[in-house]
Amino acid sequence: MPRNYKRNTEPRYSLDDLKKAIDDVKTKKLSIGRAAETYNVPKTTINDRLKKAVIKQPRSGRKPLFTEEQETQLVDYIIKCS
């Protein structure tokens, strides 16, 4: 592993840039391709987010295995057993 390892799964764009790109495409100021170039957001991401109503912060890494409720139950159980 190199000394200066940089994780590549971090999104290269911010949530604000994504929202601006989607707004410009919805108001027909820019096409999807132009918005992708202008705001440095992938075309596929803009296209996917246009189909969805809610825009969330992009996640990096793997999806969690347990829900928040399951985690708290597991923590309580481990504490009880110890």
C-alpha atoms as a PDB file:
ATOM      1  CA  MET A   1       0.000   0.000   0.000  1.00  0.00           C
ATOM      2  CA  PRO A   2       1.427   3.419  -0.858  1.00  0.00           C
ATOM      3  CA  ARG A   3       2.390   5.801   1.900  1.00  0.00           C
ATOM      4  CA  ASN A   4      -0.018   8.517   0.872  1.00  0.00           C
ATOM      5  CA  TYR A   5      -3.112   6.448   0.270  1.00  0.00           C
ATOM      6  CA  LYS A   6      -6.134   8.451  -0.782  1.00  0.00           C
ATOM      7  CA  ARG A   7      -9.525   6.804  -0.733  1.00  0.00           C
ATOM      8  CA  ASN A   8     -11.229   6.945  -4.140  1.00  0.00           C
ATOM      9  CA  THR A   9     -14.792   6.385  -2.996  1.00  0.00           C
ATOM     10  CA  GLU A  10     -15.341   9.960  -1.839  1.00  0.00           C
ATOM     11  CA  PRO A  11     -17.768  11.862  -4.091  1.00  0.00           C
ATOM     12  CA  ARG A  12     -16.025  14.440  -6.245  1.00  0.00           C
ATOM     13  CA  TYR A  13     -18.927  16.872  -6.081  1.00  0.00           C
ATOM     14  CA  SER A  14     -20.882  18.586  -3.355  1.00  0.00           C
ATOM     15  CA  LEU A  15     -24.576  18.384  -2.638  1.00  0.00           C
ATOM     16  CA  ASP A  16     -24.962  22.058  -3.557  1.00  0.00           C
ATOM     17  CA  ASP A  17     -23.454  21.462  -7.002  1.00  0.00           C
ATOM     18  CA  LEU A  18     -25.816  18.540  -7.538  1.00  0.00           C
ATOM     19  CA  LYS A  19     -28.849  20.625  -6.568  1.00  0.00           C
ATOM     20  CA  LYS A  20     -27.770  23.501  -8.847  1.00  0.00           C
ATOM     21  CA  ALA A  21     -27.251  21.115 -11.746  1.00  0.00           C
ATOM     22  CA  ILE A  22     -30.673  19.533 -11.270  1.00  0.00           C
ATOM     23  CA  ASP A  23     -32.358  22.936 -10.973  1.00  0.00           C
ATOM     24  CA  ASP A  24     -30.697  24.135 -14.185  1.00  0.00           C
ATOM     25  CA  VAL A  25     -31.796  20.996 -16.042  1.00  0.00           C
ATOM     26  CA  LYS A  26     -35.371  21.234 -14.718  1.00  0.00           C
ATOM     27  CA  THR A  27     -35.674  24.892 -15.723  1.00  0.00           C
ATOM     28  CA  LYS A  28     -34.096  24.017 -19.094  1.00  0.00           C
ATOM     29  CA  LYS A  29     -31.205  26.453 -18.687  1.00  0.00           C
ATOM     30  CA  LEU A  30     -28.717  23.654 -19.382  1.00  0.00           C
ATOM     31  CA  SER A  31     -28.824  20.198 -20.868  1.00  0.00           C
ATOM     32  CA  ILE A  32     -27.791  17.216 -18.770  1.00  0.00           C
ATOM     33  CA  GLY A  33     -24.406  17.056 -20.489  1.00  0.00           C
ATOM     34  CA  ARG A  34     -23.677  20.775 -20.054  1.00  0.00           C
ATOM     35  CA  ALA A  35     -24.766  20.679 -16.417  1.00  0.00           C
ATOM     36  CA  ALA A  36     -22.467  17.694 -15.844  1.00  0.00           C
ATOM     37  CA  GLU A  37     -19.511  19.587 -17.314  1.00  0.00           C
ATOM     38  CA  THR A  38     -20.323  22.850 -15.532  1.00  0.00           C
ATOM     39  CA  TYR A  39     -20.841  21.433 -12.036  1.00  0.00           C
ATOM     40  CA  ASN A  40     -18.505  18.391 -12.295  1.00  0.00           C
ATOM     41  CA  VAL A  41     -21.304  15.945 -11.533  1.00  0.00           C
ATOM     42  CA  PRO A  42     -21.623  12.702 -13.539  1.00  0.00           C
ATOM     43  CA  LYS A  43     -24.380  12.619 -16.169  1.00  0.00           C
ATOM     44  CA  THR A  44     -25.798   9.398 -14.794  1.00  0.00           C
ATOM     45  CA  THR A  45     -26.088  10.913 -11.325  1.00  0.00           C
ATOM     46  CA  ILE A  46     -28.008  13.905 -12.646  1.00  0.00           C
ATOM     47  CA  ASN A  47     -30.263  11.632 -14.682  1.00  0.00           C
ATOM     48  CA  ASP A  48     -30.936   9.352 -11.692  1.00  0.00           C
ATOM     49  CA  ARG A  49     -31.664  12.274  -9.373  1.00  0.00           C
ATOM     50  CA  LEU A  50     -34.094  13.821 -11.852  1.00  0.00           C
ATOM     51  CA  LYS A  51     -36.259  10.719 -11.514  1.00  0.00           C
ATOM     52  CA  LYS A  52     -36.274  10.906  -7.696  1.00  0.00           C
ATOM     53  CA  ALA A  53     -38.126  13.514  -5.650  1.00  0.00           C
ATOM     54  CA  VAL A  54     -35.747  13.701  -2.676  1.00  0.00           C
ATOM     55  CA  ILE A  55     -32.084  14.597  -3.036  1.00  0.00           C
ATOM     56  CA  LYS A  56     -29.899  13.115  -0.308  1.00  0.00           C
ATOM     57  CA  GLN A  57     -26.255  13.482   0.552  1.00  0.00           C
ATOM     58  CA  PRO A  58     -24.279  10.948  -1.488  1.00  0.00           C
ATOM     59  CA  ARG A  59     -22.899   8.110   0.612  1.00  0.00           C
ATOM     60  CA  SER A  60     -19.443   6.723   0.316  1.00  0.00           C
ATOM     61  CA  GLY A  61     -18.370   3.226   1.209  1.00  0.00           C
ATOM     62  CA  ARG A  62     -20.444   0.183   1.893  1.00  0.00           C
ATOM     63  CA  LYS A  63     -24.021   0.131   3.057  1.00  0.00           C
ATOM     64  CA  PRO A  64     -24.519  -0.570   6.766  1.00  0.00           C
ATOM     65  CA  LEU A  65     -25.314  -4.137   7.715  1.00  0.00           C
ATOM     66  CA  PHE A  66     -27.676  -3.307  10.593  1.00  0.00           C
ATOM     67  CA  THR A  67     -30.279  -0.583  11.003  1.00  0.00           C
ATOM     68  CA  GLU A  68     -29.952   1.926  13.844  1.00  0.00           C
ATOM     69  CA  GLU A  69     -32.564   0.042  15.873  1.00  0.00           C
ATOM     70  CA  GLN A  70     -30.797  -3.291  15.398  1.00  0.00           C
ATOM     71  CA  GLU A  71     -27.501  -1.754  16.463  1.00  0.00           C
ATOM     72  CA  THR A  72     -28.974  -0.378  19.679  1.00  0.00           C
ATOM     73  CA  GLN A  73     -30.578  -3.757  20.441  1.00  0.00           C
ATOM     74  CA  LEU A  74     -27.264  -5.502  19.833  1.00  0.00           C
ATOM     75  CA  VAL A  75     -25.410  -3.039  22.075  1.00  0.00           C
ATOM     76  CA  ASP A  76     -27.967  -3.500  24.839  1.00  0.00           C
ATOM     77  CA  TYR A  77     -27.715  -7.281  24.545  1.00  0.00           C
ATOM     78  CA  ILE A  78     -23.906  -7.248  24.675  1.00  0.00           C
ATOM     79  CA  ILE A  79     -23.922  -4.977  27.706  1.00  0.00           C
ATOM     80  CA  LYS A  80     -26.488  -7.209  29.411  1.00  0.00           C
ATOM     81  CA  CYS A  81     -24.441 -10.352  28.712  1.00  0.00           C
ATOM     82  CA  SER A  82     -21.213  -8.846  29.996  1.00  0.00           C
END
